[in-house]
Amino acid sequence: MKNAREDLAGSVSGRFSPEDWRAILIKAHEKWLRKRREEGMDAAQAWREVVLDFVHNDCWGFASDYRPSKDPGRRRNLGLSLLLRALFALTVTKIAIMWFGQIYSRSDDPQDGWIFFLVLLLVVGNFAYFLWRTRHYRDDDSNGPV
């Protein structure tokens, strides 16, 4: 019974949900014990009978159409997102920093200083938002770069 999952699902196309697996294994164990007690079979023969019963009776009515939910941490277009944010950071925010920076350096008005530092805060906030949004990203490529 230690290879019960492999024995039972060896000829089944598809996957069972974790709840179905628990129910299947409990039912298989009960059938195995019943065959050993009532019919006096040895452990290996009783297990073969249980596996055959599982296969011949259409997986005891359990549907093998389970699909695990997609991982929300996986982003497909991270490179495109990084490119767009870098383009925004390299053009719009740099122009804003240079424009408001030159106004701040020429003016004695403290309001111009606040606007300039607000633009600087916008640039830092934009980068922090990108890092926060992609914090759960995992690269599934374990082979490394090609």
N, C-alpha and C. Protein backbone atom coordinates (compact mmCIF):
# COMPACT_ATOMS: atom_id res chain seq x y z
N MET A 1 0.82 -1.20 0.00
CA MET A 1 0.00 0.00 0.00
C MET A 1 0.86 1.27 0.00
N LYS A 2 2.19 1.14 0.11
CA LYS A 2 2.98 2.36 0.13
C LYS A 2 3.06 3.00 -1.25
N ASN A 3 2.82 2.25 -2.32
CA ASN A 3 2.77 2.80 -3.67
C ASN A 3 1.34 2.84 -4.19
N ALA A 4 0.40 3.09 -3.32
CA ALA A 4 -1.02 3.01 -3.68
C ALA A 4 -1.38 4.01 -4.77
N ARG A 5 -0.88 5.21 -4.70
CA ARG A 5 -1.22 6.22 -5.71
C ARG A 5 -0.73 5.79 -7.09
N GLU A 6 0.49 5.29 -7.16
CA GLU A 6 1.03 4.85 -8.44
C GLU A 6 0.27 3.64 -8.97
N ASP A 7 -0.07 2.72 -8.08
CA ASP A 7 -0.80 1.52 -8.51
C ASP A 7 -2.19 1.87 -9.02
N LEU A 8 -2.89 2.72 -8.29
CA LEU A 8 -4.27 3.03 -8.65
C LEU A 8 -4.36 3.96 -9.87
N ALA A 9 -3.49 4.93 -9.97
CA ALA A 9 -3.60 5.91 -11.05
C ALA A 9 -2.70 5.59 -12.23
N GLY A 10 -2.09 4.43 -12.23
CA GLY A 10 -1.17 4.08 -13.31
C GLY A 10 -1.81 4.05 -14.68
N SER A 11 -3.05 3.64 -14.77
CA SER A 11 -3.72 3.54 -16.08
C SER A 11 -4.82 4.58 -16.25
N VAL A 12 -4.84 5.59 -15.40
CA VAL A 12 -5.88 6.61 -15.46
C VAL A 12 -5.30 7.85 -16.13
N SER A 13 -6.03 8.37 -17.11
CA SER A 13 -5.59 9.62 -17.72
C SER A 13 -6.24 10.77 -16.95
N GLY A 14 -5.45 11.74 -16.60
CA GLY A 14 -5.95 12.87 -15.81
C GLY A 14 -5.46 12.79 -14.38
N ARG A 15 -5.98 13.70 -13.56
CA ARG A 15 -5.56 13.79 -12.16
C ARG A 15 -6.79 13.87 -11.27
N PHE A 16 -6.62 13.36 -10.05
CA PHE A 16 -7.68 13.45 -9.05
C PHE A 16 -7.36 14.60 -8.10
N SER A 17 -8.39 15.20 -7.55
CA SER A 17 -8.19 16.28 -6.59
C SER A 17 -7.65 15.68 -5.28
N PRO A 18 -7.03 16.48 -4.43
CA PRO A 18 -6.53 15.97 -3.15
C PRO A 18 -7.64 15.36 -2.29
N GLU A 19 -8.84 15.94 -2.32
CA GLU A 19 -9.96 15.38 -1.55
C GLU A 19 -10.36 14.02 -2.10
N ASP A 20 -10.40 13.91 -3.44
CA ASP A 20 -10.73 12.63 -4.06
C ASP A 20 -9.67 11.58 -3.73
N TRP A 21 -8.40 11.98 -3.70
CA TRP A 21 -7.34 11.02 -3.37
C TRP A 21 -7.52 10.48 -1.96
N ARG A 22 -7.87 11.36 -1.03
CA ARG A 22 -8.09 10.87 0.34
C ARG A 22 -9.22 9.85 0.36
N ALA A 23 -10.32 10.17 -0.33
CA ALA A 23 -11.46 9.25 -0.35
C ALA A 23 -11.12 7.95 -1.07
N ILE A 24 -10.37 8.03 -2.16
CA ILE A 24 -9.97 6.83 -2.90
C ILE A 24 -9.09 5.94 -2.05
N LEU A 25 -8.11 6.53 -1.37
CA LEU A 25 -7.20 5.73 -0.55
C LEU A 25 -7.92 5.10 0.63
N ILE A 26 -8.87 5.81 1.23
CA ILE A 26 -9.64 5.22 2.34
C ILE A 26 -10.48 4.06 1.83
N LYS A 27 -11.14 4.25 0.69
CA LYS A 27 -11.97 3.19 0.12
C LYS A 27 -11.12 1.99 -0.30
N ALA A 28 -9.95 2.24 -0.88
CA ALA A 28 -9.07 1.15 -1.28
C ALA A 28 -8.58 0.37 -0.06
N HIS A 29 -8.26 1.08 1.00
CA HIS A 29 -7.80 0.42 2.22
C HIS A 29 -8.91 -0.45 2.82
N GLU A 30 -10.14 0.07 2.82
CA GLU A 30 -11.27 -0.71 3.34
C GLU A 30 -11.51 -1.95 2.50
N LYS A 31 -11.45 -1.82 1.17
CA LYS A 31 -11.65 -2.97 0.29
C LYS A 31 -10.53 -3.99 0.48
N TRP A 32 -9.31 -3.50 0.65
CA TRP A 32 -8.17 -4.39 0.83
C TRP A 32 -8.32 -5.18 2.13
N LEU A 33 -8.70 -4.49 3.21
CA LEU A 33 -8.91 -5.19 4.49
C LEU A 33 -10.05 -6.20 4.39
N ARG A 34 -11.14 -5.84 3.71
CA ARG A 34 -12.28 -6.74 3.56
C ARG A 34 -11.88 -7.99 2.77
N LYS A 35 -11.13 -7.83 1.72
CA LYS A 35 -10.70 -8.98 0.91
C LYS A 35 -9.77 -9.89 1.72
N ARG A 36 -8.95 -9.31 2.56
CA ARG A 36 -8.04 -10.13 3.36
C ARG A 36 -8.81 -10.88 4.44
N ARG A 37 -9.79 -10.21 5.07
CA ARG A 37 -10.54 -10.86 6.15
C ARG A 37 -11.55 -11.87 5.62
N GLU A 38 -12.42 -11.40 4.70
CA GLU A 38 -13.54 -12.24 4.27
C GLU A 38 -13.12 -13.33 3.29
N GLU A 39 -12.21 -13.03 2.39
CA GLU A 39 -11.85 -14.01 1.37
C GLU A 39 -10.54 -14.71 1.68
N GLY A 40 -9.84 -14.28 2.71
CA GLY A 40 -8.62 -14.94 3.15
C GLY A 40 -7.46 -14.82 2.18
N MET A 41 -7.41 -13.76 1.41
CA MET A 41 -6.32 -13.57 0.44
C MET A 41 -5.08 -13.04 1.15
N ASP A 42 -3.92 -13.30 0.54
CA ASP A 42 -2.71 -12.69 1.08
C ASP A 42 -2.69 -11.21 0.65
N ALA A 43 -1.78 -10.43 1.22
CA ALA A 43 -1.79 -8.98 1.03
C ALA A 43 -1.59 -8.59 -0.44
N ALA A 44 -0.65 -9.22 -1.13
CA ALA A 44 -0.37 -8.86 -2.52
C ALA A 44 -1.55 -9.19 -3.43
N GLN A 45 -2.13 -10.38 -3.26
CA GLN A 45 -3.28 -10.77 -4.09
C GLN A 45 -4.48 -9.87 -3.82
N ALA A 46 -4.73 -9.53 -2.57
CA ALA A 46 -5.85 -8.65 -2.24
C ALA A 46 -5.64 -7.27 -2.85
N TRP A 47 -4.41 -6.78 -2.83
CA TRP A 47 -4.15 -5.46 -3.42
C TRP A 47 -4.34 -5.48 -4.94
N ARG A 48 -3.91 -6.56 -5.60
CA ARG A 48 -4.14 -6.69 -7.04
C ARG A 48 -5.63 -6.65 -7.36
N GLU A 49 -6.43 -7.34 -6.54
CA GLU A 49 -7.88 -7.35 -6.74
C GLU A 49 -8.48 -5.94 -6.56
N VAL A 50 -7.99 -5.22 -5.58
CA VAL A 50 -8.49 -3.86 -5.34
C VAL A 50 -8.14 -2.95 -6.53
N VAL A 51 -6.91 -3.05 -7.03
CA VAL A 51 -6.50 -2.22 -8.16
C VAL A 51 -7.32 -2.57 -9.40
N LEU A 52 -7.52 -3.85 -9.65
CA LEU A 52 -8.35 -4.26 -10.80
C LEU A 52 -9.78 -3.78 -10.65
N ASP A 53 -10.32 -3.84 -9.44
CA ASP A 53 -11.67 -3.35 -9.20
C ASP A 53 -11.75 -1.85 -9.46
N PHE A 54 -10.73 -1.12 -9.07
CA PHE A 54 -10.68 0.33 -9.29
C PHE A 54 -10.68 0.64 -10.79
N VAL A 55 -9.89 -0.10 -11.55
CA VAL A 55 -9.78 0.15 -12.99
C VAL A 55 -11.05 -0.28 -13.72
N HIS A 56 -11.57 -1.46 -13.39
CA HIS A 56 -12.74 -1.99 -14.11
C HIS A 56 -14.03 -1.25 -13.76
N ASN A 57 -14.11 -0.65 -12.60
CA ASN A 57 -15.33 0.06 -12.19
C ASN A 57 -15.21 1.57 -12.37
N ASP A 58 -14.46 1.98 -13.38
CA ASP A 58 -14.36 3.39 -13.78
C ASP A 58 -13.97 4.28 -12.60
N CYS A 59 -12.90 3.93 -11.94
CA CYS A 59 -12.32 4.72 -10.84
C CYS A 59 -13.31 4.94 -9.70
N TRP A 60 -14.22 4.00 -9.51
CA TRP A 60 -15.23 4.03 -8.45
C TRP A 60 -16.06 5.31 -8.50
N GLY A 61 -16.20 5.88 -9.67
CA GLY A 61 -17.03 7.07 -9.83
C GLY A 61 -16.32 8.39 -9.56
N PHE A 62 -15.04 8.36 -9.28
CA PHE A 62 -14.30 9.60 -9.05
C PHE A 62 -13.85 10.18 -10.39
N ALA A 63 -14.02 11.47 -10.57
CA ALA A 63 -13.65 12.12 -11.82
C ALA A 63 -12.17 12.48 -11.80
N SER A 64 -11.50 12.17 -12.90
CA SER A 64 -10.06 12.47 -12.99
C SER A 64 -9.84 13.71 -13.86
N ASP A 65 -10.59 14.76 -13.58
CA ASP A 65 -10.48 15.98 -14.37
C ASP A 65 -10.00 17.17 -13.54
N TYR A 66 -9.27 16.90 -12.48
CA TYR A 66 -8.81 17.97 -11.59
C TYR A 66 -7.66 18.74 -12.23
N ARG A 67 -7.76 20.06 -12.15
CA ARG A 67 -6.66 20.93 -12.58
C ARG A 67 -6.37 21.90 -11.45
N PRO A 68 -5.14 21.92 -10.96
CA PRO A 68 -4.83 22.86 -9.88
C PRO A 68 -4.94 24.30 -10.38
N SER A 69 -5.28 25.19 -9.47
CA SER A 69 -5.42 26.60 -9.85
C SER A 69 -4.05 27.17 -10.19
N LYS A 70 -4.06 28.15 -11.06
CA LYS A 70 -2.80 28.76 -11.47
C LYS A 70 -2.23 29.59 -10.34
N ASP A 71 -0.93 29.61 -10.28
CA ASP A 71 -0.22 30.36 -9.25
C ASP A 71 -0.31 31.85 -9.56
N PRO A 72 -0.93 32.65 -8.67
CA PRO A 72 -1.05 34.08 -8.98
C PRO A 72 0.28 34.81 -8.95
N GLY A 73 1.31 34.19 -8.39
CA GLY A 73 2.61 34.84 -8.32
C GLY A 73 3.37 34.79 -9.63
N ARG A 74 2.90 34.00 -10.55
CA ARG A 74 3.60 33.86 -11.83
C ARG A 74 3.08 34.90 -12.82
N ARG A 75 3.94 35.79 -13.25
CA ARG A 75 3.57 36.81 -14.22
C ARG A 75 4.21 36.43 -15.56
N ARG A 76 3.43 36.38 -16.59
CA ARG A 76 3.93 35.96 -17.91
C ARG A 76 4.73 37.07 -18.60
N ASN A 77 4.29 38.32 -18.52
CA ASN A 77 4.92 39.40 -19.26
C ASN A 77 5.70 40.32 -18.33
N LEU A 78 6.52 39.76 -17.48
CA LEU A 78 7.30 40.58 -16.57
C LEU A 78 8.31 41.42 -17.34
N GLY A 79 8.90 40.87 -18.38
CA GLY A 79 9.86 41.62 -19.18
C GLY A 79 9.23 42.82 -19.86
N LEU A 80 8.02 42.63 -20.40
CA LEU A 80 7.31 43.74 -21.04
C LEU A 80 6.94 44.80 -20.01
N SER A 81 6.51 44.36 -18.85
CA SER A 81 6.16 45.31 -17.79
C SER A 81 7.40 46.10 -17.37
N LEU A 82 8.52 45.42 -17.22
CA LEU A 82 9.76 46.11 -16.85
C LEU A 82 10.17 47.09 -17.94
N LEU A 83 10.03 46.69 -19.20
CA LEU A 83 10.39 47.57 -20.31
C LEU A 83 9.53 48.83 -20.33
N LEU A 84 8.22 48.67 -20.15
CA LEU A 84 7.34 49.83 -20.15
C LEU A 84 7.62 50.75 -18.96
N ARG A 85 7.86 50.17 -17.80
CA ARG A 85 8.16 51.00 -16.64
C ARG A 85 9.52 51.69 -16.79
N ALA A 86 10.49 50.99 -17.38
CA ALA A 86 11.79 51.62 -17.60
C ALA A 86 11.68 52.75 -18.61
N LEU A 87 10.88 52.54 -19.67
CA LEU A 87 10.67 53.59 -20.66
C LEU A 87 10.01 54.81 -20.01
N PHE A 88 9.02 54.56 -19.18
CA PHE A 88 8.36 55.66 -18.46
C PHE A 88 9.36 56.36 -17.55
N ALA A 89 10.16 55.55 -16.85
CA ALA A 89 11.12 56.14 -15.90
C ALA A 89 12.21 56.91 -16.63
N LEU A 90 12.63 56.42 -17.79
CA LEU A 90 13.72 57.07 -18.51
C LEU A 90 13.28 58.31 -19.28
N THR A 91 12.04 58.41 -19.61
CA THR A 91 11.61 59.58 -20.40
C THR A 91 10.79 60.56 -19.57
N VAL A 92 9.61 60.16 -19.20
CA VAL A 92 8.68 61.09 -18.55
C VAL A 92 9.23 61.58 -17.23
N THR A 93 9.68 60.68 -16.38
CA THR A 93 10.13 61.12 -15.06
C THR A 93 11.44 61.89 -15.13
N LYS A 94 12.33 61.54 -16.06
CA LYS A 94 13.59 62.29 -16.18
C LYS A 94 13.33 63.70 -16.69
N ILE A 95 12.39 63.80 -17.64
CA ILE A 95 12.03 65.14 -18.13
C ILE A 95 11.42 65.96 -16.99
N ALA A 96 10.56 65.33 -16.21
CA ALA A 96 9.93 66.05 -15.09
C ALA A 96 10.97 66.47 -14.07
N ILE A 97 11.93 65.59 -13.77
CA ILE A 97 12.97 65.95 -12.79
C ILE A 97 13.82 67.10 -13.32
N MET A 98 14.21 67.01 -14.59
CA MET A 98 15.04 68.09 -15.14
C MET A 98 14.26 69.41 -15.21
N TRP A 99 13.01 69.35 -15.63
CA TRP A 99 12.20 70.58 -15.74
C TRP A 99 11.98 71.24 -14.38
N PHE A 100 11.49 70.43 -13.42
CA PHE A 100 11.22 71.02 -12.11
C PHE A 100 12.50 71.29 -11.34
N GLY A 101 13.57 70.57 -11.65
CA GLY A 101 14.86 70.84 -11.03
C GLY A 101 15.43 72.18 -11.45
N GLN A 102 15.32 72.48 -12.73
CA GLN A 102 15.84 73.78 -13.19
C GLN A 102 14.97 74.92 -12.68
N ILE A 103 13.65 74.69 -12.56
CA ILE A 103 12.79 75.72 -11.97
C ILE A 103 13.15 75.93 -10.50
N TYR A 104 13.40 74.82 -9.77
CA TYR A 104 13.75 74.91 -8.35
C TYR A 104 15.08 75.64 -8.16
N SER A 105 16.05 75.37 -9.05
CA SER A 105 17.37 75.99 -8.89
C SER A 105 17.35 77.49 -9.23
N ARG A 106 16.43 77.93 -10.06
CA ARG A 106 16.36 79.34 -10.44
C ARG A 106 15.44 80.16 -9.54
N SER A 107 14.54 79.50 -8.85
CA SER A 107 13.51 80.22 -8.10
C SER A 107 13.84 80.26 -6.61
N ASP A 108 13.34 81.29 -5.96
CA ASP A 108 13.47 81.39 -4.51
C ASP A 108 12.18 81.01 -3.81
N ASP A 109 11.16 80.65 -4.58
CA ASP A 109 9.85 80.29 -4.03
C ASP A 109 9.92 78.88 -3.42
N PRO A 110 9.56 78.72 -2.13
CA PRO A 110 9.62 77.39 -1.52
C PRO A 110 8.63 76.39 -2.13
N GLN A 111 7.58 76.90 -2.77
CA GLN A 111 6.62 75.99 -3.40
C GLN A 111 7.27 75.21 -4.55
N ASP A 112 8.19 75.83 -5.27
CA ASP A 112 8.89 75.13 -6.35
C ASP A 112 9.75 73.99 -5.80
N GLY A 113 10.30 74.18 -4.63
CA GLY A 113 11.06 73.11 -3.98
C GLY A 113 10.19 71.92 -3.64
N TRP A 114 9.00 72.22 -3.11
CA TRP A 114 8.07 71.13 -2.78
C TRP A 114 7.65 70.35 -4.03
N ILE A 115 7.41 71.04 -5.13
CA ILE A 115 7.03 70.37 -6.37
C ILE A 115 8.17 69.48 -6.87
N PHE A 116 9.40 70.01 -6.79
CA PHE A 116 10.56 69.22 -7.23
C PHE A 116 10.72 67.95 -6.39
N PHE A 117 10.61 68.08 -5.08
CA PHE A 117 10.75 66.90 -4.22
C PHE A 117 9.57 65.94 -4.37
N LEU A 118 8.41 66.47 -4.72
CA LEU A 118 7.26 65.61 -5.01
C LEU A 118 7.51 64.76 -6.26
N VAL A 119 8.14 65.37 -7.27
CA VAL A 119 8.48 64.62 -8.49
C VAL A 119 9.53 63.55 -8.17
N LEU A 120 10.51 63.89 -7.34
CA LEU A 120 11.49 62.88 -6.93
C LEU A 120 10.82 61.73 -6.18
N LEU A 121 9.87 62.06 -5.32
CA LEU A 121 9.12 61.03 -4.60
C LEU A 121 8.31 60.16 -5.56
N LEU A 122 7.78 60.77 -6.62
CA LEU A 122 7.04 60.01 -7.63
C LEU A 122 7.95 58.98 -8.31
N VAL A 123 9.18 59.34 -8.62
CA VAL A 123 10.11 58.42 -9.26
C VAL A 123 10.43 57.26 -8.33
N VAL A 124 10.73 57.55 -7.09
CA VAL A 124 11.04 56.49 -6.12
C VAL A 124 9.81 55.63 -5.87
N GLY A 125 8.64 56.25 -5.78
CA GLY A 125 7.40 55.50 -5.57
C GLY A 125 7.08 54.59 -6.74
N ASN A 126 7.34 55.04 -7.95
CA ASN A 126 7.10 54.22 -9.14
C ASN A 126 7.96 52.96 -9.09
N PHE A 127 9.22 53.11 -8.74
CA PHE A 127 10.11 51.95 -8.65
C PHE A 127 9.70 51.03 -7.50
N ALA A 128 9.32 51.61 -6.37
CA ALA A 128 8.88 50.80 -5.23
C ALA A 128 7.60 50.03 -5.57
N TYR A 129 6.69 50.66 -6.31
CA TYR A 129 5.46 49.97 -6.71
C TYR A 129 5.77 48.79 -7.62
N PHE A 130 6.70 48.94 -8.55
CA PHE A 130 7.09 47.83 -9.41
C PHE A 130 7.66 46.68 -8.59
N LEU A 131 8.51 46.99 -7.63
CA LEU A 131 9.07 45.94 -6.79
C LEU A 131 8.00 45.27 -5.94
N TRP A 132 7.08 46.04 -5.39
CA TRP A 132 6.02 45.47 -4.56
C TRP A 132 5.09 44.59 -5.38
N ARG A 133 4.75 45.03 -6.60
CA ARG A 133 3.81 44.28 -7.42
C ARG A 133 4.38 42.94 -7.87
N THR A 134 5.67 42.84 -8.06
CA THR A 134 6.29 41.60 -8.53
C THR A 134 7.00 40.85 -7.41
N ARG A 135 6.61 41.08 -6.19
CA ARG A 135 7.32 40.46 -5.05
C ARG A 135 7.13 38.95 -4.98
N HIS A 136 6.05 38.39 -5.53
CA HIS A 136 5.81 36.94 -5.47
C HIS A 136 6.20 36.24 -6.76
N TYR A 137 6.87 36.95 -7.66
CA TYR A 137 7.24 36.34 -8.93
C TYR A 137 8.32 35.29 -8.70
N ARG A 138 8.11 34.12 -9.33
CA ARG A 138 9.11 33.05 -9.27
C ARG A 138 9.41 32.61 -10.69
N ASP A 139 10.67 32.51 -11.00
CA ASP A 139 11.07 32.02 -12.31
C ASP A 139 11.16 30.51 -12.22
N ASP A 140 10.34 29.81 -13.02
CA ASP A 140 10.31 28.36 -12.96
C ASP A 140 11.40 27.71 -13.79
N ASP A 141 12.21 28.49 -14.46
CA ASP A 141 13.27 27.93 -15.30
C ASP A 141 14.45 27.55 -14.41
N SER A 142 14.53 26.28 -14.05
CA SER A 142 15.59 25.83 -13.14
C SER A 142 16.86 25.47 -13.90
N ASN A 143 16.83 25.48 -15.24
CA ASN A 143 18.00 25.12 -16.02
C ASN A 143 18.95 26.30 -16.21
N GLY A 144 18.52 27.46 -15.85
CA GLY A 144 19.35 28.63 -16.00
C GLY A 144 19.18 29.25 -17.38
N PRO A 145 19.95 30.29 -17.67
CA PRO A 145 19.82 30.94 -18.98
C PRO A 145 20.33 30.05 -20.09
N VAL A 146 19.72 30.20 -21.24
CA VAL A 146 20.10 29.36 -22.39
C VAL A 146 21.05 30.12 -23.26
